[in-house]
Amino acid sequence: MANIKSQIKRNKQNEKRRLRNRIVRGSTRSAVNKARVAIGEQNENREDLVLKAIVALDKAVQKGVIHKNNAARKKSRLMKRLAAVK
């Protein structure tokens, strides 16, 4: 454990951010997985779920939780799967 005052504060901040980021990252993963399942099952509302996943990815990027290229790659793969089904 750190014994320098600034490092103790930094550790507290990092822990708060980690917990906040977990929520965003988890909801993003859920949205992407739901979209993937809907595409695989030929679900009729798959396009809506893909759009929700894209919105979730964009919000995660805005909040700095994931990198923009990571989100772009995931969006691209989702759209590619959706196009292949159509």
N, C-alpha and C. Protein backbone atom coordinates (compact mmCIF):
# COMPACT_ATOMS: atom_id res chain seq x y z
N MET A 1 0.85 -1.19 0.00
CA MET A 1 0.00 0.00 0.00
C MET A 1 0.89 1.24 0.00
N ALA A 2 0.45 2.25 -0.67
CA ALA A 2 1.22 3.49 -0.79
C ALA A 2 1.21 4.24 0.54
N ASN A 3 2.33 4.90 0.83
CA ASN A 3 2.38 5.72 2.04
C ASN A 3 2.62 7.19 1.72
N ILE A 4 2.54 7.53 0.43
CA ILE A 4 2.66 8.93 0.01
C ILE A 4 1.25 9.47 -0.16
N LYS A 5 1.02 10.66 0.39
CA LYS A 5 -0.33 11.22 0.44
C LYS A 5 -0.96 11.34 -0.95
N SER A 6 -0.21 11.83 -1.91
CA SER A 6 -0.77 12.02 -3.25
C SER A 6 -1.09 10.67 -3.90
N GLN A 7 -0.28 9.66 -3.60
CA GLN A 7 -0.54 8.35 -4.19
C GLN A 7 -1.75 7.69 -3.55
N ILE A 8 -1.96 7.92 -2.27
CA ILE A 8 -3.16 7.40 -1.59
C ILE A 8 -4.41 8.01 -2.23
N LYS A 9 -4.36 9.32 -2.48
CA LYS A 9 -5.48 10.00 -3.11
C LYS A 9 -5.70 9.46 -4.54
N ARG A 10 -4.61 9.28 -5.27
CA ARG A 10 -4.69 8.77 -6.64
C ARG A 10 -5.32 7.38 -6.65
N ASN A 11 -4.96 6.54 -5.68
CA ASN A 11 -5.54 5.19 -5.60
C ASN A 11 -7.04 5.25 -5.35
N LYS A 12 -7.47 6.15 -4.50
CA LYS A 12 -8.91 6.31 -4.24
C LYS A 12 -9.64 6.75 -5.51
N GLN A 13 -9.05 7.70 -6.22
CA GLN A 13 -9.66 8.19 -7.46
C GLN A 13 -9.75 7.08 -8.51
N ASN A 14 -8.67 6.33 -8.62
CA ASN A 14 -8.65 5.24 -9.60
C ASN A 14 -9.71 4.19 -9.28
N GLU A 15 -9.91 3.89 -8.01
CA GLU A 15 -10.91 2.90 -7.62
C GLU A 15 -12.32 3.40 -7.95
N LYS A 16 -12.59 4.67 -7.68
CA LYS A 16 -13.90 5.24 -8.01
C LYS A 16 -14.15 5.18 -9.51
N ARG A 17 -13.13 5.54 -10.29
CA ARG A 17 -13.27 5.52 -11.75
C ARG A 17 -13.45 4.11 -12.26
N ARG A 18 -12.73 3.17 -11.67
CA ARG A 18 -12.83 1.78 -12.09
C ARG A 18 -14.25 1.26 -11.90
N LEU A 19 -14.85 1.58 -10.76
CA LEU A 19 -16.22 1.13 -10.50
C LEU A 19 -17.22 1.79 -11.44
N ARG A 20 -17.00 3.07 -11.72
CA ARG A 20 -17.88 3.79 -12.64
C ARG A 20 -17.76 3.22 -14.05
N ASN A 21 -16.52 2.94 -14.46
CA ASN A 21 -16.28 2.42 -15.81
C ASN A 21 -16.83 1.02 -16.00
N ARG A 22 -16.82 0.22 -14.92
CA ARG A 22 -17.33 -1.15 -15.00
C ARG A 22 -18.79 -1.16 -15.42
N ILE A 23 -19.57 -0.24 -14.88
CA ILE A 23 -21.00 -0.16 -15.19
C ILE A 23 -21.19 0.12 -16.68
N VAL A 24 -20.46 1.10 -17.19
CA VAL A 24 -20.60 1.47 -18.60
C VAL A 24 -20.13 0.34 -19.50
N ARG A 25 -18.97 -0.25 -19.16
CA ARG A 25 -18.42 -1.33 -19.98
C ARG A 25 -19.34 -2.55 -19.97
N GLY A 26 -19.93 -2.84 -18.83
CA GLY A 26 -20.83 -3.99 -18.73
C GLY A 26 -22.09 -3.80 -19.54
N SER A 27 -22.68 -2.61 -19.46
CA SER A 27 -23.90 -2.36 -20.23
C SER A 27 -23.61 -2.35 -21.73
N THR A 28 -22.43 -1.89 -22.11
CA THR A 28 -22.03 -1.90 -23.51
C THR A 28 -21.89 -3.34 -24.01
N ARG A 29 -21.22 -4.16 -23.21
CA ARG A 29 -21.07 -5.57 -23.59
C ARG A 29 -22.42 -6.25 -23.73
N SER A 30 -23.32 -5.96 -22.80
CA SER A 30 -24.66 -6.56 -22.86
C SER A 30 -25.38 -6.17 -24.14
N ALA A 31 -25.30 -4.90 -24.49
CA ALA A 31 -25.97 -4.42 -25.70
C ALA A 31 -25.40 -5.09 -26.95
N VAL A 32 -24.08 -5.22 -27.00
CA VAL A 32 -23.43 -5.85 -28.16
C VAL A 32 -23.81 -7.33 -28.24
N ASN A 33 -23.81 -8.00 -27.09
CA ASN A 33 -24.15 -9.43 -27.09
C ASN A 33 -25.61 -9.66 -27.49
N LYS A 34 -26.51 -8.80 -27.01
CA LYS A 34 -27.92 -8.93 -27.39
C LYS A 34 -28.09 -8.74 -28.90
N ALA A 35 -27.36 -7.79 -29.45
CA ALA A 35 -27.42 -7.55 -30.89
C ALA A 35 -26.90 -8.75 -31.66
N ARG A 36 -25.78 -9.33 -31.21
CA ARG A 36 -25.22 -10.50 -31.87
C ARG A 36 -26.19 -11.68 -31.86
N VAL A 37 -26.81 -11.90 -30.70
CA VAL A 37 -27.77 -13.00 -30.57
C VAL A 37 -28.97 -12.76 -31.48
N ALA A 38 -29.46 -11.53 -31.53
CA ALA A 38 -30.61 -11.20 -32.38
C ALA A 38 -30.28 -11.42 -33.85
N ILE A 39 -29.07 -11.08 -34.25
CA ILE A 39 -28.66 -11.29 -35.64
C ILE A 39 -28.59 -12.79 -35.93
N GLY A 40 -28.02 -13.55 -35.00
CA GLY A 40 -27.89 -14.99 -35.18
C GLY A 40 -29.22 -15.71 -35.25
N GLU A 41 -30.20 -15.23 -34.49
CA GLU A 41 -31.51 -15.88 -34.44
C GLU A 41 -32.48 -15.33 -35.48
N GLN A 42 -32.01 -14.45 -36.34
CA GLN A 42 -32.87 -13.82 -37.36
C GLN A 42 -34.06 -13.10 -36.72
N ASN A 43 -33.81 -12.48 -35.58
CA ASN A 43 -34.86 -11.78 -34.84
C ASN A 43 -35.34 -10.57 -35.65
N GLU A 44 -36.65 -10.27 -35.56
CA GLU A 44 -37.20 -9.19 -36.37
C GLU A 44 -36.79 -7.80 -35.88
N ASN A 45 -36.42 -7.65 -34.62
CA ASN A 45 -35.99 -6.34 -34.12
C ASN A 45 -34.47 -6.26 -33.99
N ARG A 46 -33.76 -7.00 -34.84
CA ARG A 46 -32.30 -7.02 -34.76
C ARG A 46 -31.68 -5.68 -35.12
N GLU A 47 -32.31 -4.95 -36.06
CA GLU A 47 -31.75 -3.65 -36.45
C GLU A 47 -31.82 -2.65 -35.30
N ASP A 48 -32.92 -2.69 -34.54
CA ASP A 48 -33.04 -1.81 -33.38
C ASP A 48 -31.98 -2.13 -32.34
N LEU A 49 -31.75 -3.42 -32.11
CA LEU A 49 -30.75 -3.83 -31.12
C LEU A 49 -29.34 -3.45 -31.56
N VAL A 50 -29.08 -3.54 -32.85
CA VAL A 50 -27.77 -3.13 -33.37
C VAL A 50 -27.58 -1.63 -33.17
N LEU A 51 -28.63 -0.86 -33.45
CA LEU A 51 -28.53 0.60 -33.25
C LEU A 51 -28.31 0.95 -31.78
N LYS A 52 -28.99 0.22 -30.88
CA LYS A 52 -28.79 0.45 -29.45
C LYS A 52 -27.36 0.12 -29.03
N ALA A 53 -26.81 -0.94 -29.60
CA ALA A 53 -25.43 -1.32 -29.30
C ALA A 53 -24.47 -0.24 -29.79
N ILE A 54 -24.73 0.30 -30.96
CA ILE A 54 -23.87 1.35 -31.51
C ILE A 54 -23.92 2.60 -30.63
N VAL A 55 -25.12 2.95 -30.17
CA VAL A 55 -25.26 4.10 -29.27
C VAL A 55 -24.50 3.86 -27.97
N ALA A 56 -24.61 2.65 -27.44
CA ALA A 56 -23.91 2.32 -26.19
C ALA A 56 -22.40 2.41 -26.39
N LEU A 57 -21.91 1.94 -27.53
CA LEU A 57 -20.47 2.02 -27.81
C LEU A 57 -20.02 3.47 -27.92
N ASP A 58 -20.82 4.30 -28.61
CA ASP A 58 -20.46 5.71 -28.76
C ASP A 58 -20.43 6.42 -27.41
N LYS A 59 -21.38 6.10 -26.54
CA LYS A 59 -21.40 6.72 -25.21
C LYS A 59 -20.19 6.29 -24.39
N ALA A 60 -19.80 5.03 -24.52
CA ALA A 60 -18.62 4.55 -23.80
C ALA A 60 -17.36 5.28 -24.27
N VAL A 61 -17.30 5.57 -25.56
CA VAL A 61 -16.16 6.32 -26.09
C VAL A 61 -16.16 7.75 -25.55
N GLN A 62 -17.34 8.38 -25.53
CA GLN A 62 -17.45 9.75 -25.04
C GLN A 62 -17.01 9.85 -23.58
N LYS A 63 -17.32 8.82 -22.80
CA LYS A 63 -16.96 8.83 -21.39
C LYS A 63 -15.52 8.39 -21.15
N GLY A 64 -14.85 7.96 -22.20
CA GLY A 64 -13.45 7.58 -22.08
C GLY A 64 -13.25 6.19 -21.52
N VAL A 65 -14.28 5.36 -21.58
CA VAL A 65 -14.19 4.01 -21.02
C VAL A 65 -13.48 3.07 -21.98
N ILE A 66 -13.78 3.19 -23.28
CA ILE A 66 -13.09 2.39 -24.28
C ILE A 66 -12.50 3.31 -25.34
N HIS A 67 -11.53 2.80 -26.07
CA HIS A 67 -10.88 3.58 -27.11
C HIS A 67 -11.77 3.68 -28.34
N LYS A 68 -11.66 4.77 -29.07
CA LYS A 68 -12.55 4.99 -30.22
C LYS A 68 -12.34 3.94 -31.31
N ASN A 69 -11.10 3.47 -31.49
CA ASN A 69 -10.85 2.45 -32.51
C ASN A 69 -11.47 1.11 -32.10
N ASN A 70 -11.48 0.84 -30.80
CA ASN A 70 -12.11 -0.38 -30.28
C ASN A 70 -13.61 -0.35 -30.60
N ALA A 71 -14.24 0.78 -30.34
CA ALA A 71 -15.67 0.92 -30.62
C ALA A 71 -15.94 0.83 -32.12
N ALA A 72 -15.09 1.46 -32.92
CA ALA A 72 -15.26 1.43 -34.37
C ALA A 72 -15.17 0.00 -34.89
N ARG A 73 -14.23 -0.76 -34.35
CA ARG A 73 -14.06 -2.15 -34.77
C ARG A 73 -15.30 -2.98 -34.43
N LYS A 74 -15.82 -2.78 -33.22
CA LYS A 74 -17.01 -3.54 -32.80
C LYS A 74 -18.23 -3.16 -33.62
N LYS A 75 -18.38 -1.86 -33.90
CA LYS A 75 -19.51 -1.41 -34.72
C LYS A 75 -19.40 -1.98 -36.13
N SER A 76 -18.21 -1.98 -36.66
CA SER A 76 -17.99 -2.49 -38.01
C SER A 76 -18.35 -3.96 -38.09
N ARG A 77 -17.93 -4.73 -37.10
CA ARG A 77 -18.22 -6.16 -37.10
C ARG A 77 -19.72 -6.43 -36.97
N LEU A 78 -20.39 -5.63 -36.13
CA LEU A 78 -21.84 -5.80 -35.99
C LEU A 78 -22.55 -5.50 -37.31
N MET A 79 -22.18 -4.41 -37.95
CA MET A 79 -22.82 -4.02 -39.21
C MET A 79 -22.53 -5.06 -40.31
N LYS A 80 -21.33 -5.62 -40.29
CA LYS A 80 -20.96 -6.64 -41.26
C LYS A 80 -21.84 -7.87 -41.09
N ARG A 81 -22.05 -8.28 -39.84
CA ARG A 81 -22.92 -9.44 -39.58
C ARG A 81 -24.35 -9.16 -39.99
N LEU A 82 -24.81 -7.95 -39.70
CA LEU A 82 -26.18 -7.58 -40.06
C LEU A 82 -26.37 -7.59 -41.57
N ALA A 83 -25.38 -7.08 -42.30
CA ALA A 83 -25.46 -7.03 -43.76
C ALA A 83 -25.43 -8.44 -44.35
N ALA A 84 -24.68 -9.34 -43.72
CA ALA A 84 -24.59 -10.70 -44.23
C ALA A 84 -25.92 -11.44 -44.10
N VAL A 85 -26.69 -11.10 -43.07
CA VAL A 85 -27.98 -11.74 -42.83
C VAL A 85 -29.01 -11.26 -43.85
N LYS A 86 -28.93 -9.98 -44.22
CA LYS A 86 -29.89 -9.42 -45.17
C LYS A 86 -29.64 -9.93 -46.53
